[in-house]
């Protein structure tokens, strides 16, 4: 490990102070480092030339780091400075211990599935990205329904009139998709979830799709204006009638340092209050 990138969430007051502490620690270890400021909507950056990435923020900072790091197979060391911290699993008071274990080559890793998404317009690719959490089709204001036609592996799957559609990874199944009634999927599974948003039909239900699924979502004519395709809540891209959105599981996975199945299920209980019977 010769060079690290520290991603600093500028909305977190403590992130810069902690970044300086970590930078000093890395320097003593002979590891070069650069800083990158993140405000929630920074353009994707080329992480070529780095050996690992340290994210200082909440889950949103991890999502940004993972999208850009996975291209080169770089591990992400996620320090939690957010309110939720579902995937940012390293607590601020544990960073030095966990980082030492990582640099000594003894740290555990979690490989998380990602979506590869593309938008085609008149046969030409006009947008592509990766997603660790989810990709969402919706209107800007969320008060108009959209019409969507969905194919799986070139065969018709469904036609939706809804507020939108969520396509979620197992990691993202605990986020927006869960709030919309989707299932929670164990993060070690290779699958993804299709969750309609307030569908205008009682028969439209979330579906868990196999890893070989190739989805094509066609935007059909409707009264909806200002439609967007948004990746991980951070990359809104305008779409229109006739656009085709392609979604598959990406071949490369995100690598999260210090993650484990035990931490996931503990977070499920403690942070999402998934604990079975109610307690008096």
C-alpha atoms as a PDB file:
ATOM      1  CA  UNK A   1       0.000   0.000   0.000  1.00  0.00           C
ATOM      2  CA  UNK A   2       1.797   3.102  -1.248  1.00  0.00           C
ATOM      3  CA  UNK A   3      -0.870   5.729  -1.916  1.00  0.00           C
ATOM      4  CA  UNK A   4      -4.300   6.518  -0.445  1.00  0.00           C
ATOM      5  CA  UNK A   5      -7.152   8.854  -1.345  1.00  0.00           C
ATOM      6  CA  UNK A   6      -9.035  10.433   1.571  1.00  0.00           C
ATOM      7  CA  UNK A   7     -12.570  11.500   0.662  1.00  0.00           C
ATOM      8  CA  UNK A   8     -13.782  14.195   3.045  1.00  0.00           C
ATOM      9  CA  UNK A   9     -17.483  14.946   3.427  1.00  0.00           C
ATOM     10  CA  UNK A  10     -17.362  18.733   3.815  1.00  0.00           C
ATOM     11  CA  UNK A  11     -20.777  18.811   5.504  1.00  0.00           C
ATOM     12  CA  UNK A  12     -19.353  16.963   8.522  1.00  0.00           C
ATOM     13  CA  UNK A  13     -17.545  19.324  10.902  1.00  0.00           C
ATOM     14  CA  UNK A  14     -15.269  16.639  12.282  1.00  0.00           C
ATOM     15  CA  UNK A  15     -14.239  15.212   8.903  1.00  0.00           C
ATOM     16  CA  UNK A  16     -11.369  17.625   8.238  1.00  0.00           C
ATOM     17  CA  UNK A  17      -9.901  17.199  11.732  1.00  0.00           C
ATOM     18  CA  UNK A  18     -10.076  13.425  11.440  1.00  0.00           C
ATOM     19  CA  UNK A  19      -8.628  13.569   7.925  1.00  0.00           C
ATOM     20  CA  UNK A  20      -5.571  15.399   9.237  1.00  0.00           C
ATOM     21  CA  UNK A  21      -5.102  12.804  11.992  1.00  0.00           C
ATOM     22  CA  UNK A  22      -5.320   9.941   9.506  1.00  0.00           C
ATOM     23  CA  UNK A  23      -3.013  11.755   7.082  1.00  0.00           C
ATOM     24  CA  UNK A  24      -0.361  12.095   9.778  1.00  0.00           C
ATOM     25  CA  UNK A  25      -0.717   8.411  10.613  1.00  0.00           C
ATOM     26  CA  UNK A  26      -0.310   7.452   6.937  1.00  0.00           C
ATOM     27  CA  UNK A  27       2.730   9.688   6.560  1.00  0.00           C
ATOM     28  CA  UNK A  28       4.424   7.936   9.487  1.00  0.00           C
ATOM     29  CA  UNK A  29       3.748   4.655   7.679  1.00  0.00           C
ATOM     30  CA  UNK A  30       5.354   6.009   4.514  1.00  0.00           C
ATOM     31  CA  UNK A  31       2.050   6.090   2.624  1.00  0.00           C
ATOM     32  CA  UNK A  32       1.379   9.013   0.275  1.00  0.00           C
ATOM     33  CA  UNK A  33      -2.093  10.531   0.307  1.00  0.00           C
ATOM     34  CA  UNK A  34      -4.354  13.025  -1.424  1.00  0.00           C
ATOM     35  CA  UNK A  35      -7.577  14.701  -0.291  1.00  0.00           C
ATOM     36  CA  UNK A  36     -10.862  14.928  -2.198  1.00  0.00           C
ATOM     37  CA  UNK A  37     -13.775  17.051  -0.974  1.00  0.00           C
ATOM     38  CA  UNK A  38     -17.270  15.574  -1.282  1.00  0.00           C
ATOM     39  CA  UNK A  39     -20.483  17.557  -0.899  1.00  0.00           C
ATOM     40  CA  UNK A  40     -23.025  14.943  -1.946  1.00  0.00           C
ATOM     41  CA  UNK A  41     -23.106  15.730  -5.655  1.00  0.00           C
ATOM     42  CA  UNK A  42     -19.464  15.767  -6.796  1.00  0.00           C
ATOM     43  CA  UNK A  43     -18.818  14.477 -10.309  1.00  0.00           C
ATOM     44  CA  UNK A  44     -17.288  11.025 -10.532  1.00  0.00           C
ATOM     45  CA  UNK A  45     -13.493  11.082 -10.315  1.00  0.00           C
ATOM     46  CA  UNK A  46     -10.843   8.775 -11.760  1.00  0.00           C
ATOM     47  CA  UNK A  47      -9.198   6.925  -8.861  1.00  0.00           C
ATOM     48  CA  UNK A  48      -6.399   5.492 -10.987  1.00  0.00           C
ATOM     49  CA  UNK A  49      -3.025   5.510  -9.233  1.00  0.00           C
ATOM     50  CA  UNK A  50      -4.317   4.866  -5.712  1.00  0.00           C
ATOM     51  CA  UNK A  51      -4.062   1.645  -3.721  1.00  0.00           C
ATOM     52  CA  UNK A  52      -7.013   2.223  -1.409  1.00  0.00           C
ATOM     53  CA  UNK A  53      -9.640   4.800  -0.493  1.00  0.00           C
ATOM     54  CA  UNK A  54     -10.665   6.136   2.924  1.00  0.00           C
ATOM     55  CA  UNK A  55     -14.134   7.669   3.148  1.00  0.00           C
ATOM     56  CA  UNK A  56     -14.871  10.110   5.965  1.00  0.00           C
ATOM     57  CA  UNK A  57     -18.603  10.713   6.169  1.00  0.00           C
ATOM     58  CA  UNK A  58     -21.787   8.698   6.189  1.00  0.00           C
ATOM     59  CA  UNK A  59     -23.210   6.036   3.891  1.00  0.00           C
ATOM     60  CA  UNK A  60     -23.536   8.529   1.027  1.00  0.00           C
ATOM     61  CA  UNK A  61     -19.789   9.125   1.070  1.00  0.00           C
ATOM     62  CA  UNK A  62     -19.209   5.365   0.903  1.00  0.00           C
ATOM     63  CA  UNK A  63     -21.552   5.100  -2.101  1.00  0.00           C
ATOM     64  CA  UNK A  64     -19.569   7.760  -3.965  1.00  0.00           C
ATOM     65  CA  UNK A  65     -16.261   6.125  -3.054  1.00  0.00           C
ATOM     66  CA  UNK A  66     -17.415   2.641  -4.076  1.00  0.00           C
ATOM     67  CA  UNK A  67     -18.739   3.735  -7.486  1.00  0.00           C
ATOM     68  CA  UNK A  68     -15.354   5.150  -8.405  1.00  0.00           C
ATOM     69  CA  UNK A  69     -13.097   2.648  -6.603  1.00  0.00           C
ATOM     70  CA  UNK A  70     -14.669  -0.536  -7.962  1.00  0.00           C
ATOM     71  CA  UNK A  71     -13.431   0.217 -11.480  1.00  0.00           C
ATOM     72  CA  UNK A  72      -9.896  -0.500 -10.293  1.00  0.00           C
ATOM     73  CA  UNK A  73     -10.744  -3.052  -7.615  1.00  0.00           C
ATOM     74  CA  UNK A  74      -9.712  -0.655  -4.835  1.00  0.00           C
ATOM     75  CA  UNK A  75     -10.815  -1.377  -1.258  1.00  0.00           C
ATOM     76  CA  UNK A  76     -12.796   1.323   0.563  1.00  0.00           C
ATOM     77  CA  UNK A  77     -12.069   1.937   4.242  1.00  0.00           C
ATOM     78  CA  UNK A  78     -15.370   3.503   5.434  1.00  0.00           C
ATOM     79  CA  UNK A  79     -15.207   5.670   8.576  1.00  0.00           C
ATOM     80  CA  UNK A  80     -18.687   6.565   9.813  1.00  0.00           C
ATOM     81  CA  UNK A  81     -19.362  10.224  10.566  1.00  0.00           C
ATOM     82  CA  UNK A  82     -23.029  10.064   9.567  1.00  0.00           C
ATOM     83  CA  UNK A  83     -26.253   9.573  11.459  1.00  0.00           C
ATOM     84  CA  UNK A  84     -27.057   6.113  10.153  1.00  0.00           C
ATOM     85  CA  UNK A  85     -23.819   4.374   9.201  1.00  0.00           C
ATOM     86  CA  UNK A  86     -25.286   1.181   7.766  1.00  0.00           C
ATOM     87  CA  UNK A  87     -22.406   0.523   5.357  1.00  0.00           C
ATOM     88  CA  UNK A  88     -19.855   2.916   6.884  1.00  0.00           C
ATOM     89  CA  UNK A  89     -18.920   0.316   9.474  1.00  0.00           C
ATOM     90  CA  UNK A  90     -15.733   1.768  11.030  1.00  0.00           C
ATOM     91  CA  UNK A  91     -16.558   3.986  14.010  1.00  0.00           C
ATOM     92  CA  UNK A  92     -14.490   7.185  14.548  1.00  0.00           C
ATOM     93  CA  UNK A  93     -12.937   5.937  17.779  1.00  0.00           C
ATOM     94  CA  UNK A  94     -11.869   2.692  16.100  1.00  0.00           C
ATOM     95  CA  UNK A  95     -10.222   3.999  12.932  1.00  0.00           C
ATOM     96  CA  UNK A  96      -6.603   3.645  14.092  1.00  0.00           C
ATOM     97  CA  UNK A  97      -7.048   0.062  15.277  1.00  0.00           C
ATOM     98  CA  UNK A  98      -8.974  -0.964  12.165  1.00  0.00           C
ATOM     99  CA  UNK A  99      -6.595   0.843   9.807  1.00  0.00           C
ATOM    100  CA  UNK A 100      -3.580  -0.880  11.364  1.00  0.00           C
ATOM    101  CA  UNK A 101      -5.250  -4.260  10.908  1.00  0.00           C
ATOM    102  CA  UNK A 102      -5.990  -3.336   7.274  1.00  0.00           C
ATOM    103  CA  UNK A 103      -2.448  -2.150   6.514  1.00  0.00           C
ATOM    104  CA  UNK A 104      -1.081  -5.316   8.141  1.00  0.00           C
ATOM    105  CA  UNK A 105      -3.132  -7.332   5.658  1.00  0.00           C
ATOM    106  CA  UNK A 106      -5.324  -8.903   8.323  1.00  0.00           C
ATOM    107  CA  UNK A 107      -8.593  -7.047   7.781  1.00  0.00           C
ATOM    108  CA  UNK A 108     -11.839  -8.657   6.700  1.00  0.00           C
ATOM    109  CA  UNK A 109     -13.511  -7.548   3.475  1.00  0.00           C
ATOM    110  CA  UNK A 110     -17.054  -7.545   2.221  1.00  0.00           C
ATOM    111  CA  UNK A 111     -17.627  -7.805  -1.509  1.00  0.00           C
ATOM    112  CA  UNK A 112     -20.880  -6.074  -2.425  1.00  0.00           C
ATOM    113  CA  UNK A 113     -22.738  -6.422  -5.728  1.00  0.00           C
ATOM    114  CA  UNK A 114     -23.195  -3.317  -7.853  1.00  0.00           C
ATOM    115  CA  UNK A 115     -25.524  -2.414 -10.705  1.00  0.00           C
ATOM    116  CA  UNK A 116     -24.258  -1.342 -14.102  1.00  0.00           C
ATOM    117  CA  UNK A 117     -26.780   1.038 -15.660  1.00  0.00           C
ATOM    118  CA  UNK A 118     -27.032   2.692 -19.066  1.00  0.00           C
ATOM    119  CA  UNK A 119     -29.497   5.039 -20.753  1.00  0.00           C
ATOM    120  CA  UNK A 120     -30.027   4.570 -24.498  1.00  0.00           C
ATOM    121  CA  UNK A 121     -31.644   7.223 -26.667  1.00  0.00           C
ATOM    122  CA  UNK A 122     -32.378   6.445 -30.304  1.00  0.00           C
ATOM    123  CA  UNK A 123     -29.931   3.542 -30.116  1.00  0.00           C
ATOM    124  CA  UNK A 124     -27.060   5.578 -28.668  1.00  0.00           C
ATOM    125  CA  UNK A 125     -25.687   5.338 -25.137  1.00  0.00           C
ATOM    126  CA  UNK A 126     -26.006   8.754 -23.528  1.00  0.00           C
ATOM    127  CA  UNK A 127     -25.330   7.869 -19.894  1.00  0.00           C
ATOM    128  CA  UNK A 128     -23.718   5.073 -17.892  1.00  0.00           C
ATOM    129  CA  UNK A 129     -22.816   4.585 -14.253  1.00  0.00           C
ATOM    130  CA  UNK A 130     -22.447   2.088 -11.424  1.00  0.00           C
ATOM    131  CA  UNK A 131     -24.601   1.845  -8.325  1.00  0.00           C
ATOM    132  CA  UNK A 132     -23.899   0.298  -4.937  1.00  0.00           C
ATOM    133  CA  UNK A 133     -27.331   1.200  -3.532  1.00  0.00           C
ATOM    134  CA  UNK A 134     -30.030   1.809  -6.104  1.00  0.00           C
ATOM    135  CA  UNK A 135     -31.093   3.413  -9.358  1.00  0.00           C
ATOM    136  CA  UNK A 136     -34.474   5.176  -9.384  1.00  0.00           C
ATOM    137  CA  UNK A 137     -36.799   6.319 -12.153  1.00  0.00           C
ATOM    138  CA  UNK A 138     -39.130   9.111 -11.013  1.00  0.00           C
ATOM    139  CA  UNK A 139     -40.389  12.589 -11.732  1.00  0.00           C
ATOM    140  CA  UNK A 140     -38.634  15.585 -10.243  1.00  0.00           C
ATOM    141  CA  UNK A 141     -41.519  16.529  -7.972  1.00  0.00           C
ATOM    142  CA  UNK A 142     -42.937  13.038  -7.459  1.00  0.00           C
ATOM    143  CA  UNK A 143     -46.543  14.110  -8.036  1.00  0.00           C
ATOM    144  CA  UNK A 144     -47.076  12.569 -11.497  1.00  0.00           C
ATOM    145  CA  UNK A 145     -47.179   8.933 -12.528  1.00  0.00           C
ATOM    146  CA  UNK A 146     -44.832   7.530 -15.160  1.00  0.00           C
ATOM    147  CA  UNK A 147     -45.496   4.742 -17.659  1.00  0.00           C
ATOM    148  CA  UNK A 148     -42.787   2.107 -17.876  1.00  0.00           C
ATOM    149  CA  UNK A 149     -42.465  -1.109 -19.873  1.00  0.00           C
ATOM    150  CA  UNK A 150     -40.056  -3.658 -18.386  1.00  0.00           C
ATOM    151  CA  UNK A 151     -38.374  -6.604 -20.118  1.00  0.00           C
ATOM    152  CA  UNK A 152     -36.185  -9.262 -18.515  1.00  0.00           C
ATOM    153  CA  UNK A 153     -33.770 -11.046 -20.842  1.00  0.00           C
ATOM    154  CA  UNK A 154     -35.706  -9.656 -23.836  1.00  0.00           C
ATOM    155  CA  UNK A 155     -39.037 -11.084 -22.615  1.00  0.00           C
ATOM    156  CA  UNK A 156     -41.892  -8.878 -21.312  1.00  0.00           C
ATOM    157  CA  UNK A 157     -41.976  -8.746 -17.507  1.00  0.00           C
ATOM    158  CA  UNK A 158     -44.460  -6.007 -16.645  1.00  0.00           C
ATOM    159  CA  UNK A 159     -45.966  -2.684 -17.581  1.00  0.00           C
ATOM    160  CA  UNK A 160     -46.146  -0.131 -14.780  1.00  0.00           C
ATOM    161  CA  UNK A 161     -48.122   2.999 -14.124  1.00  0.00           C
ATOM    162  CA  UNK A 162     -46.524   4.285 -10.949  1.00  0.00           C
ATOM    163  CA  UNK A 163     -44.779   7.154  -9.207  1.00  0.00           C
ATOM    164  CA  UNK A 164     -41.557   5.477 -10.285  1.00  0.00           C
ATOM    165  CA  UNK A 165     -39.402   2.384 -10.084  1.00  0.00           C
ATOM    166  CA  UNK A 166     -36.517   1.420  -7.774  1.00  0.00           C
ATOM    167  CA  UNK A 167     -33.824  -1.008  -8.887  1.00  0.00           C
ATOM    168  CA  UNK A 168     -31.815  -1.951  -5.806  1.00  0.00           C
ATOM    169  CA  UNK A 169     -28.785  -4.057  -4.982  1.00  0.00           C
ATOM    170  CA  UNK A 170     -28.784  -6.242  -1.848  1.00  0.00           C
ATOM    171  CA  UNK A 171     -26.948  -3.353  -0.153  1.00  0.00           C
ATOM    172  CA  UNK A 172     -29.632  -0.918  -1.315  1.00  0.00           C
ATOM    173  CA  UNK A 173     -32.448  -3.255  -0.313  1.00  0.00           C
ATOM    174  CA  UNK A 174     -32.271  -1.779   3.208  1.00  0.00           C
ATOM    175  CA  UNK A 175     -32.669   1.790   1.931  1.00  0.00           C
ATOM    176  CA  UNK A 176     -35.276   3.440  -0.338  1.00  0.00           C
ATOM    177  CA  UNK A 177     -36.520   0.065  -1.603  1.00  0.00           C
ATOM    178  CA  UNK A 178     -37.263  -1.134   1.951  1.00  0.00           C
ATOM    179  CA  UNK A 179     -39.146   2.088   2.678  1.00  0.00           C
ATOM    180  CA  UNK A 180     -41.244   1.424  -0.444  1.00  0.00           C
ATOM    181  CA  UNK A 181     -42.139  -2.090   0.742  1.00  0.00           C
ATOM    182  CA  UNK A 182     -39.339  -4.050  -0.926  1.00  0.00           C
ATOM    183  CA  UNK A 183     -37.680  -7.118   0.633  1.00  0.00           C
ATOM    184  CA  UNK A 184     -34.424  -6.996   2.577  1.00  0.00           C
ATOM    185  CA  UNK A 185     -31.811  -9.100   0.790  1.00  0.00           C
ATOM    186  CA  UNK A 186     -28.677 -10.445   2.458  1.00  0.00           C
ATOM    187  CA  UNK A 187     -25.693  -8.499   1.068  1.00  0.00           C
ATOM    188  CA  UNK A 188     -23.721 -11.642   0.240  1.00  0.00           C
ATOM    189  CA  UNK A 189     -26.336 -12.757  -2.305  1.00  0.00           C
ATOM    190  CA  UNK A 190     -25.935 -12.040  -6.011  1.00  0.00           C
ATOM    191  CA  UNK A 191     -29.306 -10.624  -6.961  1.00  0.00           C
ATOM    192  CA  UNK A 192     -31.150  -7.347  -7.348  1.00  0.00           C
ATOM    193  CA  UNK A 193     -34.603  -6.051  -6.566  1.00  0.00           C
ATOM    194  CA  UNK A 194     -37.268  -4.376  -8.691  1.00  0.00           C
ATOM    195  CA  UNK A 195     -39.585  -2.306  -6.472  1.00  0.00           C
ATOM    196  CA  UNK A 196     -42.468  -0.264  -7.957  1.00  0.00           C
ATOM    197  CA  UNK A 197     -43.174   3.088  -6.314  1.00  0.00           C
ATOM    198  CA  UNK A 198     -46.874   3.465  -5.501  1.00  0.00           C
ATOM    199  CA  UNK A 199     -48.008   1.451  -8.497  1.00  0.00           C
ATOM    200  CA  UNK A 200     -51.508   2.104  -9.840  1.00  0.00           C
ATOM    201  CA  UNK A 201     -52.288  -1.613  -9.474  1.00  0.00           C
ATOM    202  CA  UNK A 202     -52.739  -3.897  -6.469  1.00  0.00           C
ATOM    203  CA  UNK A 203     -50.939  -6.713  -8.314  1.00  0.00           C
ATOM    204  CA  UNK A 204     -47.618  -4.889  -8.766  1.00  0.00           C
ATOM    205  CA  UNK A 205     -45.259  -6.229  -6.145  1.00  0.00           C
ATOM    206  CA  UNK A 206     -41.483  -6.147  -5.626  1.00  0.00           C
ATOM    207  CA  UNK A 207     -39.500  -8.882  -7.353  1.00  0.00           C
ATOM    208  CA  UNK A 208     -36.065 -10.333  -6.519  1.00  0.00           C
ATOM    209  CA  UNK A 209     -34.196 -11.020  -9.758  1.00  0.00           C
ATOM    210  CA  UNK A 210     -31.462 -13.565 -10.448  1.00  0.00           C
ATOM    211  CA  UNK A 211     -27.903 -12.404 -11.202  1.00  0.00           C
ATOM    212  CA  UNK A 212     -28.160 -13.312 -14.903  1.00  0.00           C
ATOM    213  CA  UNK A 213     -31.075 -10.901 -15.398  1.00  0.00           C
ATOM    214  CA  UNK A 214     -30.769  -8.195 -18.041  1.00  0.00           C
ATOM    215  CA  UNK A 215     -33.469  -5.568 -17.536  1.00  0.00           C
ATOM    216  CA  UNK A 216     -34.648  -3.131 -20.179  1.00  0.00           C
ATOM    217  CA  UNK A 217     -36.976  -0.403 -18.952  1.00  0.00           C
ATOM    218  CA  UNK A 218     -38.620   1.682 -21.676  1.00  0.00           C
ATOM    219  CA  UNK A 219     -40.049   5.085 -20.747  1.00  0.00           C
ATOM    220  CA  UNK A 220     -43.485   5.314 -22.359  1.00  0.00           C
ATOM    221  CA  UNK A 221     -45.617   8.335 -23.124  1.00  0.00           C
ATOM    222  CA  UNK A 222     -47.330   9.887 -20.091  1.00  0.00           C
ATOM    223  CA  UNK A 223     -48.288  13.231 -18.632  1.00  0.00           C
ATOM    224  CA  UNK A 224     -45.172  13.250 -16.471  1.00  0.00           C
ATOM    225  CA  UNK A 225     -42.746  16.113 -16.918  1.00  0.00           C
ATOM    226  CA  UNK A 226     -39.132  16.385 -15.775  1.00  0.00           C
ATOM    227  CA  UNK A 227     -38.410  12.680 -15.411  1.00  0.00           C
ATOM    228  CA  UNK A 228     -35.078  11.619 -13.917  1.00  0.00           C
ATOM    229  CA  UNK A 229     -32.973   8.505 -13.550  1.00  0.00           C
ATOM    230  CA  UNK A 230     -31.011   8.873 -10.300  1.00  0.00           C
ATOM    231  CA  UNK A 231     -28.109   6.684  -9.195  1.00  0.00           C
ATOM    232  CA  UNK A 232     -27.461   6.268  -5.460  1.00  0.00           C
ATOM    233  CA  UNK A 233     -29.436   9.453  -4.773  1.00  0.00           C
ATOM    234  CA  UNK A 234     -26.461  11.435  -6.076  1.00  0.00           C
ATOM    235  CA  UNK A 235     -26.492  11.358  -9.877  1.00  0.00           C
ATOM    236  CA  UNK A 236     -29.770  12.698 -11.337  1.00  0.00           C
ATOM    237  CA  UNK A 237     -29.915  12.291 -15.124  1.00  0.00           C
ATOM    238  CA  UNK A 238     -32.864  13.674 -17.163  1.00  0.00           C
ATOM    239  CA  UNK A 239     -34.761  11.099 -19.227  1.00  0.00           C
ATOM    240  CA  UNK A 240     -37.679  11.320 -21.634  1.00  0.00           C
ATOM    241  CA  UNK A 241     -40.237   9.239 -23.491  1.00  0.00           C
ATOM    242  CA  UNK A 242     -38.583   6.617 -25.693  1.00  0.00           C
ATOM    243  CA  UNK A 243     -35.448   6.246 -23.598  1.00  0.00           C
ATOM    244  CA  UNK A 244     -34.408   2.689 -22.729  1.00  0.00           C
ATOM    245  CA  UNK A 245     -32.671   2.029 -19.415  1.00  0.00           C
ATOM    246  CA  UNK A 246     -30.499  -1.088 -19.237  1.00  0.00           C
ATOM    247  CA  UNK A 247     -29.675  -2.627 -15.847  1.00  0.00           C
ATOM    248  CA  UNK A 248     -27.416  -5.608 -15.072  1.00  0.00           C
ATOM    249  CA  UNK A 249     -25.226  -6.729 -12.187  1.00  0.00           C
ATOM    250  CA  UNK A 250     -21.720  -5.377 -12.651  1.00  0.00           C
ATOM    251  CA  UNK A 251     -18.924  -7.932 -13.012  1.00  0.00           C
ATOM    252  CA  UNK A 252     -16.695  -6.144 -10.492  1.00  0.00           C
ATOM    253  CA  UNK A 253     -17.866  -5.746  -6.912  1.00  0.00           C
ATOM    254  CA  UNK A 254     -17.318  -3.044  -4.328  1.00  0.00           C
ATOM    255  CA  UNK A 255     -14.795  -4.003  -1.640  1.00  0.00           C
ATOM    256  CA  UNK A 256     -15.613  -2.640   1.817  1.00  0.00           C
ATOM    257  CA  UNK A 257     -12.987  -2.973   4.542  1.00  0.00           C
ATOM    258  CA  UNK A 258     -13.902  -4.181   8.038  1.00  0.00           C
ATOM    259  CA  UNK A 259     -17.376  -5.262   6.989  1.00  0.00           C
ATOM    260  CA  UNK A 260     -18.957  -8.566   7.965  1.00  0.00           C
ATOM    261  CA  UNK A 261     -22.257 -10.425   7.936  1.00  0.00           C
ATOM    262  CA  UNK A 262     -22.367 -10.054  11.723  1.00  0.00           C
ATOM    263  CA  UNK A 263     -22.198  -6.252  11.465  1.00  0.00           C
ATOM    264  CA  UNK A 264     -24.934  -6.257   8.819  1.00  0.00           C
ATOM    265  CA  UNK A 265     -27.380  -8.249  10.926  1.00  0.00           C
ATOM    266  CA  UNK A 266     -26.522  -6.282  14.045  1.00  0.00           C
ATOM    267  CA  UNK A 267     -27.283  -3.073  12.130  1.00  0.00           C
ATOM    268  CA  UNK A 268     -30.529  -4.599  10.874  1.00  0.00           C
ATOM    269  CA  UNK A 269     -31.653  -5.063  14.460  1.00  0.00           C
ATOM    270  CA  UNK A 270     -30.232  -1.924  16.034  1.00  0.00           C
ATOM    271  CA  UNK A 271     -30.699   0.632  13.245  1.00  0.00           C
ATOM    272  CA  UNK A 272     -33.745  -0.630  11.357  1.00  0.00           C
ATOM    273  CA  UNK A 273     -35.376  -2.109  14.475  1.00  0.00           C
ATOM    274  CA  UNK A 274     -35.875  -5.447  12.722  1.00  0.00           C
ATOM    275  CA  UNK A 275     -36.255  -7.614  15.780  1.00  0.00           C
ATOM    276  CA  UNK A 276     -39.378  -9.741  15.419  1.00  0.00           C
ATOM    277  CA  UNK A 277     -42.100  -9.483  18.051  1.00  0.00           C
ATOM    278  CA  UNK A 278     -42.795  -6.075  19.630  1.00  0.00           C
ATOM    279  CA  UNK A 279     -41.374  -5.304  23.067  1.00  0.00           C
ATOM    280  CA  UNK A 280     -43.542  -3.862  25.822  1.00  0.00           C
END
